[in-house]
Amino acid sequence: MKNKLSIIFTPFLFFNELIERSISEQGLALDDSLKFYLASLLSENMDPDKLLKKSEEHPYAGMPLAIIFRQSLLEQTEKRRKMLKYVGDYSLYVGGYFSESLKKGLVSHSYYISIGEDAFSGLSAISRQKNLSILYNDIVDNFIQMLLILKGVSHLTKKT
């Protein structure tokens, strides 16, 4: 029996490669920790329902992001962290990967930018671990660029 070459591609590696291609095609640059964050976000949410539908992990899914954000300000630190991370991740994912669909929606692209940056800024402020605080602050500083990269990844997935 001849040896067959088999390539095993994890979702993370698949999305990481697409992120690199998107960055290259758009002439952008992004820190490795932010590339890792994007690849993780995409691979963990291959089924968009995981982030978009109400679940035990995301009991506030389906609620307007502004309401979730506002309620997070009234919560204790751990619950606030989860709510802000949800708002930030949702804004990044939808505002980038599904940016084309936003043109038809009621909510503008700038809304996702504003609330996403605010959510990650809040996460940075309450993070006890310095490395997470730095990561979330870097996301705020690079939010629009990350949206452009995710938009590029979306276009690349439609080509494959």
C-alpha atoms as a PDB file:
ATOM      1  CA  MET A   1       0.000   0.000   0.000  1.00  0.00           C
ATOM      2  CA  LYS A   2       1.348   3.409  -0.959  1.00  0.00           C
ATOM      3  CA  ASN A   3       1.764   6.071   1.668  1.00  0.00           C
ATOM      4  CA  LYS A   4      -0.782   8.817   1.394  1.00  0.00           C
ATOM      5  CA  LEU A   5      -0.046  12.354   2.310  1.00  0.00           C
ATOM      6  CA  SER A   6      -2.697  13.643   4.600  1.00  0.00           C
ATOM      7  CA  ILE A   7      -2.984  17.187   5.763  1.00  0.00           C
ATOM      8  CA  ILE A   8      -4.784  17.825   8.994  1.00  0.00           C
ATOM      9  CA  PHE A   9      -5.965  21.388   9.292  1.00  0.00           C
ATOM     10  CA  THR A  10      -7.447  22.538  12.562  1.00  0.00           C
ATOM     11  CA  PRO A  11      -9.952  25.388  12.384  1.00  0.00           C
ATOM     12  CA  PHE A  12      -7.476  27.606  14.234  1.00  0.00           C
ATOM     13  CA  LEU A  13      -4.717  26.959  11.673  1.00  0.00           C
ATOM     14  CA  PHE A  14      -7.177  27.412   8.804  1.00  0.00           C
ATOM     15  CA  PHE A  15      -8.295  30.806  10.079  1.00  0.00           C
ATOM     16  CA  ASN A  16      -4.756  31.799  11.022  1.00  0.00           C
ATOM     17  CA  GLU A  17      -3.684  31.221   7.410  1.00  0.00           C
ATOM     18  CA  LEU A  18      -6.626  33.273   6.123  1.00  0.00           C
ATOM     19  CA  ILE A  19      -5.773  36.075   8.562  1.00  0.00           C
ATOM     20  CA  GLU A  20      -2.200  36.119   7.265  1.00  0.00           C
ATOM     21  CA  ARG A  21      -3.479  36.234   3.661  1.00  0.00           C
ATOM     22  CA  SER A  22      -5.931  39.023   4.470  1.00  0.00           C
ATOM     23  CA  ILE A  23      -3.187  41.045   6.141  1.00  0.00           C
ATOM     24  CA  SER A  24      -0.846  40.505   3.204  1.00  0.00           C
ATOM     25  CA  GLU A  25      -3.447  41.319   0.538  1.00  0.00           C
ATOM     26  CA  GLN A  26      -4.452  44.539   2.315  1.00  0.00           C
ATOM     27  CA  GLY A  27      -0.896  45.614   3.128  1.00  0.00           C
ATOM     28  CA  LEU A  28      -1.658  45.722   6.847  1.00  0.00           C
ATOM     29  CA  ALA A  29       0.353  44.703   9.892  1.00  0.00           C
ATOM     30  CA  LEU A  30      -0.855  43.212  13.150  1.00  0.00           C
ATOM     31  CA  ASP A  31       0.844  41.993  16.313  1.00  0.00           C
ATOM     32  CA  ASP A  32       0.976  38.197  16.763  1.00  0.00           C
ATOM     33  CA  SER A  33      -1.144  38.319  19.926  1.00  0.00           C
ATOM     34  CA  LEU A  34      -3.933  40.066  17.996  1.00  0.00           C
ATOM     35  CA  LYS A  35      -3.689  37.568  15.122  1.00  0.00           C
ATOM     36  CA  PHE A  36      -4.009  34.805  17.707  1.00  0.00           C
ATOM     37  CA  TYR A  37      -7.063  36.521  19.200  1.00  0.00           C
ATOM     38  CA  LEU A  38      -8.742  36.777  15.780  1.00  0.00           C
ATOM     39  CA  ALA A  39      -7.965  33.161  14.852  1.00  0.00           C
ATOM     40  CA  SER A  40      -9.330  32.011  18.214  1.00  0.00           C
ATOM     41  CA  LEU A  41     -12.475  34.126  17.824  1.00  0.00           C
ATOM     42  CA  LEU A  42     -13.174  32.698  14.374  1.00  0.00           C
ATOM     43  CA  SER A  43     -12.380  29.082  15.233  1.00  0.00           C
ATOM     44  CA  GLU A  44     -14.416  29.171  18.452  1.00  0.00           C
ATOM     45  CA  ASN A  45     -17.389  30.597  16.578  1.00  0.00           C
ATOM     46  CA  MET A  46     -17.343  28.555  13.376  1.00  0.00           C
ATOM     47  CA  ASP A  47     -21.009  28.048  14.083  1.00  0.00           C
ATOM     48  CA  PRO A  48     -22.189  31.652  14.432  1.00  0.00           C
ATOM     49  CA  ASP A  49     -25.114  30.458  16.557  1.00  0.00           C
ATOM     50  CA  LYS A  50     -22.627  29.855  19.380  1.00  0.00           C
ATOM     51  CA  LEU A  51     -22.156  33.606  19.726  1.00  0.00           C
ATOM     52  CA  LEU A  52     -25.461  34.834  18.350  1.00  0.00           C
ATOM     53  CA  LYS A  53     -28.008  32.572  20.084  1.00  0.00           C
ATOM     54  CA  LYS A  54     -28.963  32.564  23.743  1.00  0.00           C
ATOM     55  CA  SER A  55     -27.189  29.817  25.686  1.00  0.00           C
ATOM     56  CA  GLU A  56     -25.923  29.017  29.154  1.00  0.00           C
ATOM     57  CA  GLU A  57     -22.602  30.564  28.151  1.00  0.00           C
ATOM     58  CA  HIS A  58     -24.282  33.673  26.681  1.00  0.00           C
ATOM     59  CA  PRO A  59     -27.630  34.175  28.460  1.00  0.00           C
ATOM     60  CA  TYR A  60     -27.867  37.756  27.167  1.00  0.00           C
ATOM     61  CA  ALA A  61     -27.448  36.842  23.483  1.00  0.00           C
ATOM     62  CA  GLY A  62     -30.178  38.343  21.370  1.00  0.00           C
ATOM     63  CA  MET A  63     -30.386  41.441  23.546  1.00  0.00           C
ATOM     64  CA  PRO A  64     -29.220  44.760  22.070  1.00  0.00           C
ATOM     65  CA  LEU A  65     -25.504  45.240  22.700  1.00  0.00           C
ATOM     66  CA  ALA A  66     -26.090  48.661  24.276  1.00  0.00           C
ATOM     67  CA  ILE A  67     -28.389  47.069  26.890  1.00  0.00           C
ATOM     68  CA  ILE A  68     -25.843  44.345  27.674  1.00  0.00           C
ATOM     69  CA  PHE A  69     -23.098  46.961  27.918  1.00  0.00           C
ATOM     70  CA  ARG A  70     -25.187  49.176  30.221  1.00  0.00           C
ATOM     71  CA  GLN A  71     -26.177  46.246  32.444  1.00  0.00           C
ATOM     72  CA  SER A  72     -22.540  45.162  32.682  1.00  0.00           C
ATOM     73  CA  LEU A  73     -21.745  48.441  34.440  1.00  0.00           C
ATOM     74  CA  LEU A  74     -24.080  47.427  37.272  1.00  0.00           C
ATOM     75  CA  GLU A  75     -22.589  43.952  37.747  1.00  0.00           C
ATOM     76  CA  GLN A  76     -19.811  42.554  39.898  1.00  0.00           C
ATOM     77  CA  THR A  77     -16.416  42.207  38.244  1.00  0.00           C
ATOM     78  CA  GLU A  78     -16.637  38.594  36.969  1.00  0.00           C
ATOM     79  CA  LYS A  79     -20.085  38.949  35.436  1.00  0.00           C
ATOM     80  CA  ARG A  80     -19.128  42.377  34.071  1.00  0.00           C
ATOM     81  CA  ARG A  81     -16.056  40.802  32.467  1.00  0.00           C
ATOM     82  CA  LYS A  82     -18.139  38.118  30.757  1.00  0.00           C
ATOM     83  CA  MET A  83     -20.679  40.631  29.495  1.00  0.00           C
ATOM     84  CA  LEU A  84     -18.052  43.062  28.207  1.00  0.00           C
ATOM     85  CA  LYS A  85     -16.148  40.242  26.500  1.00  0.00           C
ATOM     86  CA  TYR A  86     -19.350  39.111  24.829  1.00  0.00           C
ATOM     87  CA  VAL A  87     -20.098  42.656  23.592  1.00  0.00           C
ATOM     88  CA  GLY A  88     -16.519  43.118  22.386  1.00  0.00           C
ATOM     89  CA  ASP A  89     -16.279  39.743  20.657  1.00  0.00           C
ATOM     90  CA  TYR A  90     -19.718  40.100  19.089  1.00  0.00           C
ATOM     91  CA  SER A  91     -18.872  43.571  17.786  1.00  0.00           C
ATOM     92  CA  LEU A  92     -15.560  42.407  16.379  1.00  0.00           C
ATOM     93  CA  TYR A  93     -16.997  39.254  14.817  1.00  0.00           C
ATOM     94  CA  VAL A  94     -20.147  40.745  13.319  1.00  0.00           C
ATOM     95  CA  GLY A  95     -18.613  44.125  12.488  1.00  0.00           C
ATOM     96  CA  GLY A  96     -15.741  42.446  10.631  1.00  0.00           C
ATOM     97  CA  TYR A  97     -16.734  39.040   9.316  1.00  0.00           C
ATOM     98  CA  PHE A  98     -20.327  39.999   8.551  1.00  0.00           C
ATOM     99  CA  SER A  99     -19.657  43.642   7.646  1.00  0.00           C
ATOM    100  CA  GLU A 100     -21.338  43.307   4.242  1.00  0.00           C
ATOM    101  CA  SER A 101     -24.649  42.414   5.887  1.00  0.00           C
ATOM    102  CA  LEU A 102     -24.495  45.556   8.037  1.00  0.00           C
ATOM    103  CA  LYS A 103     -25.169  47.691   4.969  1.00  0.00           C
ATOM    104  CA  LYS A 104     -28.724  46.347   4.951  1.00  0.00           C
ATOM    105  CA  GLY A 105     -29.291  46.526   8.705  1.00  0.00           C
ATOM    106  CA  LEU A 106     -30.642  49.084  11.085  1.00  0.00           C
ATOM    107  CA  VAL A 107     -27.380  49.432  13.002  1.00  0.00           C
ATOM    108  CA  SER A 108     -24.438  51.217  11.404  1.00  0.00           C
ATOM    109  CA  HIS A 109     -20.887  49.948  11.199  1.00  0.00           C
ATOM    110  CA  SER A 110     -19.744  52.822  13.437  1.00  0.00           C
ATOM    111  CA  TYR A 111     -22.016  51.496  16.209  1.00  0.00           C
ATOM    112  CA  TYR A 112     -20.097  48.199  16.268  1.00  0.00           C
ATOM    113  CA  ILE A 113     -16.796  50.084  16.298  1.00  0.00           C
ATOM    114  CA  SER A 114     -17.850  52.358  19.145  1.00  0.00           C
ATOM    115  CA  ILE A 115     -19.397  49.748  21.393  1.00  0.00           C
ATOM    116  CA  GLY A 116     -16.678  47.191  20.633  1.00  0.00           C
ATOM    117  CA  GLU A 117     -13.899  49.622  21.512  1.00  0.00           C
ATOM    118  CA  ASP A 118     -15.759  50.638  24.679  1.00  0.00           C
ATOM    119  CA  ALA A 119     -16.220  47.003  25.708  1.00  0.00           C
ATOM    120  CA  PHE A 120     -12.545  46.118  25.236  1.00  0.00           C
ATOM    121  CA  SER A 121     -11.523  49.342  26.982  1.00  0.00           C
ATOM    122  CA  GLY A 122     -13.695  48.329  29.933  1.00  0.00           C
ATOM    123  CA  LEU A 123     -12.134  44.859  29.919  1.00  0.00           C
ATOM    124  CA  SER A 124      -8.674  46.391  29.957  1.00  0.00           C
ATOM    125  CA  ALA A 125      -9.600  48.539  32.952  1.00  0.00           C
ATOM    126  CA  ILE A 126     -10.956  45.659  35.080  1.00  0.00           C
ATOM    127  CA  SER A 127      -8.471  42.944  34.115  1.00  0.00           C
ATOM    128  CA  ARG A 128      -6.391  41.782  37.052  1.00  0.00           C
ATOM    129  CA  GLN A 129      -3.794  40.187  34.811  1.00  0.00           C
ATOM    130  CA  LYS A 130      -1.484  42.754  33.254  1.00  0.00           C
ATOM    131  CA  ASN A 131      -1.033  40.737  30.045  1.00  0.00           C
ATOM    132  CA  LEU A 132      -4.830  40.637  29.488  1.00  0.00           C
ATOM    133  CA  SER A 133      -5.134  44.325  30.212  1.00  0.00           C
ATOM    134  CA  ILE A 134      -2.445  45.018  27.605  1.00  0.00           C
ATOM    135  CA  LEU A 135      -4.107  42.662  25.095  1.00  0.00           C
ATOM    136  CA  TYR A 136      -7.513  44.309  25.454  1.00  0.00           C
ATOM    137  CA  ASN A 137      -5.957  47.760  25.193  1.00  0.00           C
ATOM    138  CA  ASP A 138      -4.143  46.643  22.009  1.00  0.00           C
ATOM    139  CA  ILE A 139      -7.476  45.459  20.603  1.00  0.00           C
ATOM    140  CA  VAL A 140      -8.940  48.924  21.254  1.00  0.00           C
ATOM    141  CA  ASP A 141      -5.972  50.546  19.508  1.00  0.00           C
ATOM    142  CA  ASN A 142      -6.257  48.199  16.501  1.00  0.00           C
ATOM    143  CA  PHE A 143     -10.032  47.594  16.410  1.00  0.00           C
ATOM    144  CA  ILE A 144     -10.693  49.086  12.965  1.00  0.00           C
ATOM    145  CA  GLN A 145      -7.704  47.305  11.463  1.00  0.00           C
ATOM    146  CA  MET A 146      -8.911  44.017  12.977  1.00  0.00           C
ATOM    147  CA  LEU A 147     -12.351  44.612  11.440  1.00  0.00           C
ATOM    148  CA  LEU A 148     -10.726  45.114   8.030  1.00  0.00           C
ATOM    149  CA  ILE A 149      -8.761  41.892   8.431  1.00  0.00           C
ATOM    150  CA  LEU A 150     -11.898  39.960   9.375  1.00  0.00           C
ATOM    151  CA  LYS A 151     -13.709  41.461   6.395  1.00  0.00           C
ATOM    152  CA  GLY A 152     -10.864  40.207   4.217  1.00  0.00           C
ATOM    153  CA  VAL A 153     -11.081  36.757   5.807  1.00  0.00           C
ATOM    154  CA  SER A 154     -14.803  36.721   5.046  1.00  0.00           C
ATOM    155  CA  HIS A 155     -14.105  37.436   1.383  1.00  0.00           C
ATOM    156  CA  LEU A 156     -11.425  34.738   1.296  1.00  0.00           C
ATOM    157  CA  THR A 157     -13.765  32.106   2.769  1.00  0.00           C
ATOM    158  CA  LYS A 158     -16.275  32.870   0.023  1.00  0.00           C
ATOM    159  CA  LYS A 159     -13.581  32.218  -2.596  1.00  0.00           C
ATOM    160  CA  THR A 160     -12.629  28.789  -1.212  1.00  0.00           C
END
